Amino acid sequence: MIDFLYSLPLWLLAVVLNVWLIGFGLAGLRLVRRKLLPGMSLRYEDAYYGAALVQSSMLLYGLVAALTAVAVWQRHTQASDIVSSEATAIT
């Protein structure tokens, strides 16, 4: 279905994906602001819950990024140890 994307140059692929993803996000934002938010009758005090939700999701994303970095570092260390032992065995 999207196999034609593999044949595009990298710079063009970046432009296409950015335009598509940003357009999808803006269309969703417009839809939510026009259709969903007016019916919810939100007050200023309700913004506290939104801020808490954003903070907790950012904490989760940060934790996932940190654990991914630790896992990559451990694999790098393991690969370095293996290469070092193989080089020692060859010499």
C-alpha atoms as a PDB file:
ATOM      1  CA  MET A   1       0.000   0.000   0.000  1.00  0.00           C
ATOM      2  CA  ILE A   2       2.676   2.507   0.969  1.00  0.00           C
ATOM      3  CA  ASP A   3       5.553   0.775  -0.818  1.00  0.00           C
ATOM      4  CA  PHE A   4       6.034   3.805  -3.071  1.00  0.00           C
ATOM      5  CA  LEU A   5       7.433   5.666  -0.049  1.00  0.00           C
ATOM      6  CA  TYR A   6      10.543   3.474  -0.157  1.00  0.00           C
ATOM      7  CA  SER A   7      11.389   4.724  -3.634  1.00  0.00           C
ATOM      8  CA  LEU A   8      11.299   8.415  -2.636  1.00  0.00           C
ATOM      9  CA  PRO A   9      14.512  10.281  -1.833  1.00  0.00           C
ATOM     10  CA  LEU A  10      15.049  10.777   1.873  1.00  0.00           C
ATOM     11  CA  TRP A  11      14.494  14.540   1.825  1.00  0.00           C
ATOM     12  CA  LEU A  12      11.225  14.158  -0.086  1.00  0.00           C
ATOM     13  CA  LEU A  13      10.082  11.386   2.245  1.00  0.00           C
ATOM     14  CA  ALA A  14      10.731  13.680   5.225  1.00  0.00           C
ATOM     15  CA  VAL A  15       8.696  16.464   3.616  1.00  0.00           C
ATOM     16  CA  VAL A  16       5.815  14.127   2.708  1.00  0.00           C
ATOM     17  CA  LEU A  17       5.636  12.549   6.151  1.00  0.00           C
ATOM     18  CA  ASN A  18       5.847  15.888   7.955  1.00  0.00           C
ATOM     19  CA  VAL A  19       3.136  17.454   5.816  1.00  0.00           C
ATOM     20  CA  TRP A  20       0.908  14.401   6.250  1.00  0.00           C
ATOM     21  CA  LEU A  21       1.384  14.092  10.019  1.00  0.00           C
ATOM     22  CA  ILE A  22       1.117  17.812  10.714  1.00  0.00           C
ATOM     23  CA  GLY A  23      -1.960  18.024   8.481  1.00  0.00           C
ATOM     24  CA  PHE A  24      -3.548  15.096  10.299  1.00  0.00           C
ATOM     25  CA  GLY A  25      -2.840  16.736  13.656  1.00  0.00           C
ATOM     26  CA  LEU A  26      -4.199  20.115  12.580  1.00  0.00           C
ATOM     27  CA  ALA A  27      -7.331  18.531  11.105  1.00  0.00           C
ATOM     28  CA  GLY A  28      -7.928  16.660  14.356  1.00  0.00           C
ATOM     29  CA  LEU A  29      -7.382  19.816  16.378  1.00  0.00           C
ATOM     30  CA  ARG A  30      -9.826  21.744  14.207  1.00  0.00           C
ATOM     31  CA  LEU A  31     -12.421  18.984  14.498  1.00  0.00           C
ATOM     32  CA  VAL A  32     -12.107  18.835  18.278  1.00  0.00           C
ATOM     33  CA  ARG A  33     -12.263  22.609  18.700  1.00  0.00           C
ATOM     34  CA  ARG A  34     -15.292  23.029  16.429  1.00  0.00           C
ATOM     35  CA  LYS A  35     -17.362  19.965  17.289  1.00  0.00           C
ATOM     36  CA  LEU A  36     -16.335  18.553  20.658  1.00  0.00           C
ATOM     37  CA  LEU A  37     -15.305  21.436  22.906  1.00  0.00           C
ATOM     38  CA  PRO A  38     -18.416  23.641  22.561  1.00  0.00           C
ATOM     39  CA  GLY A  39     -20.612  20.843  23.872  1.00  0.00           C
ATOM     40  CA  MET A  40     -18.441  20.151  26.911  1.00  0.00           C
ATOM     41  CA  SER A  41     -19.010  23.517  28.674  1.00  0.00           C
ATOM     42  CA  LEU A  42     -15.590  23.625  30.297  1.00  0.00           C
ATOM     43  CA  ARG A  43     -14.662  26.179  32.930  1.00  0.00           C
ATOM     44  CA  TYR A  44     -11.294  27.729  33.733  1.00  0.00           C
ATOM     45  CA  GLU A  45     -10.949  25.541  36.830  1.00  0.00           C
ATOM     46  CA  ASP A  46     -11.107  22.410  34.680  1.00  0.00           C
ATOM     47  CA  ALA A  47      -7.726  23.253  33.150  1.00  0.00           C
ATOM     48  CA  TYR A  48      -6.036  21.847  36.268  1.00  0.00           C
ATOM     49  CA  TYR A  49      -6.989  18.305  35.258  1.00  0.00           C
ATOM     50  CA  GLY A  50      -5.686  18.823  31.751  1.00  0.00           C
ATOM     51  CA  ALA A  51      -2.374  20.072  33.114  1.00  0.00           C
ATOM     52  CA  ALA A  52      -2.126  17.042  35.400  1.00  0.00           C
ATOM     53  CA  LEU A  53      -2.828  14.752  32.467  1.00  0.00           C
ATOM     54  CA  VAL A  54      -0.140  16.404  30.343  1.00  0.00           C
ATOM     55  CA  GLN A  55       2.386  16.209  33.166  1.00  0.00           C
ATOM     56  CA  SER A  56       1.700  12.549  33.823  1.00  0.00           C
ATOM     57  CA  SER A  57       1.943  11.650  30.139  1.00  0.00           C
ATOM     58  CA  MET A  58       5.225  13.560  29.821  1.00  0.00           C
ATOM     59  CA  LEU A  59       6.524  11.697  32.861  1.00  0.00           C
ATOM     60  CA  LEU A  60       5.588   8.411  31.204  1.00  0.00           C
ATOM     61  CA  TYR A  61       7.286   9.413  27.934  1.00  0.00           C
ATOM     62  CA  GLY A  62      10.399  10.497  29.817  1.00  0.00           C
ATOM     63  CA  LEU A  63      10.514   7.220  31.702  1.00  0.00           C
ATOM     64  CA  VAL A  64      10.162   5.228  28.494  1.00  0.00           C
ATOM     65  CA  ALA A  65      12.930   7.265  26.845  1.00  0.00           C
ATOM     66  CA  ALA A  66      15.232   6.802  29.841  1.00  0.00           C
ATOM     67  CA  LEU A  67      14.650   3.055  30.011  1.00  0.00           C
ATOM     68  CA  THR A  68      15.233   2.770  26.276  1.00  0.00           C
ATOM     69  CA  ALA A  69      18.520   4.650  26.616  1.00  0.00           C
ATOM     70  CA  VAL A  70      19.609   2.349  29.451  1.00  0.00           C
ATOM     71  CA  ALA A  71      18.753  -0.748  27.413  1.00  0.00           C
ATOM     72  CA  VAL A  72      20.680   0.553  24.409  1.00  0.00           C
ATOM     73  CA  TRP A  73      23.666   1.363  26.601  1.00  0.00           C
ATOM     74  CA  GLN A  74      23.626  -2.150  28.111  1.00  0.00           C
ATOM     75  CA  ARG A  75      23.509  -3.749  24.672  1.00  0.00           C
ATOM     76  CA  HIS A  76      26.346  -1.509  23.520  1.00  0.00           C
ATOM     77  CA  THR A  77      28.398  -2.570  26.531  1.00  0.00           C
ATOM     78  CA  GLN A  78      27.658  -6.243  25.872  1.00  0.00           C
ATOM     79  CA  ALA A  79      28.626  -5.895  22.222  1.00  0.00           C
ATOM     80  CA  SER A  80      31.813  -4.069  23.198  1.00  0.00           C
ATOM     81  CA  ASP A  81      32.716  -6.843  25.641  1.00  0.00           C
ATOM     82  CA  ILE A  82      32.117  -9.516  23.011  1.00  0.00           C
ATOM     83  CA  VAL A  83      34.205  -7.671  20.417  1.00  0.00           C
ATOM     84  CA  SER A  84      36.972  -7.135  22.956  1.00  0.00           C
ATOM     85  CA  SER A  85      37.047 -10.828  23.920  1.00  0.00           C
ATOM     86  CA  GLU A  86      37.045 -11.871  20.257  1.00  0.00           C
ATOM     87  CA  ALA A  87      39.911  -9.485  19.500  1.00  0.00           C
ATOM     88  CA  THR A  88      41.841 -10.883  22.461  1.00  0.00           C
ATOM     89  CA  ALA A  89      41.205 -14.443  21.260  1.00  0.00           C
ATOM     90  CA  ILE A  90      42.417 -13.598  17.753  1.00  0.00           C
ATOM     91  CA  THR A  91      45.657 -12.036  18.990  1.00  0.00           C
END
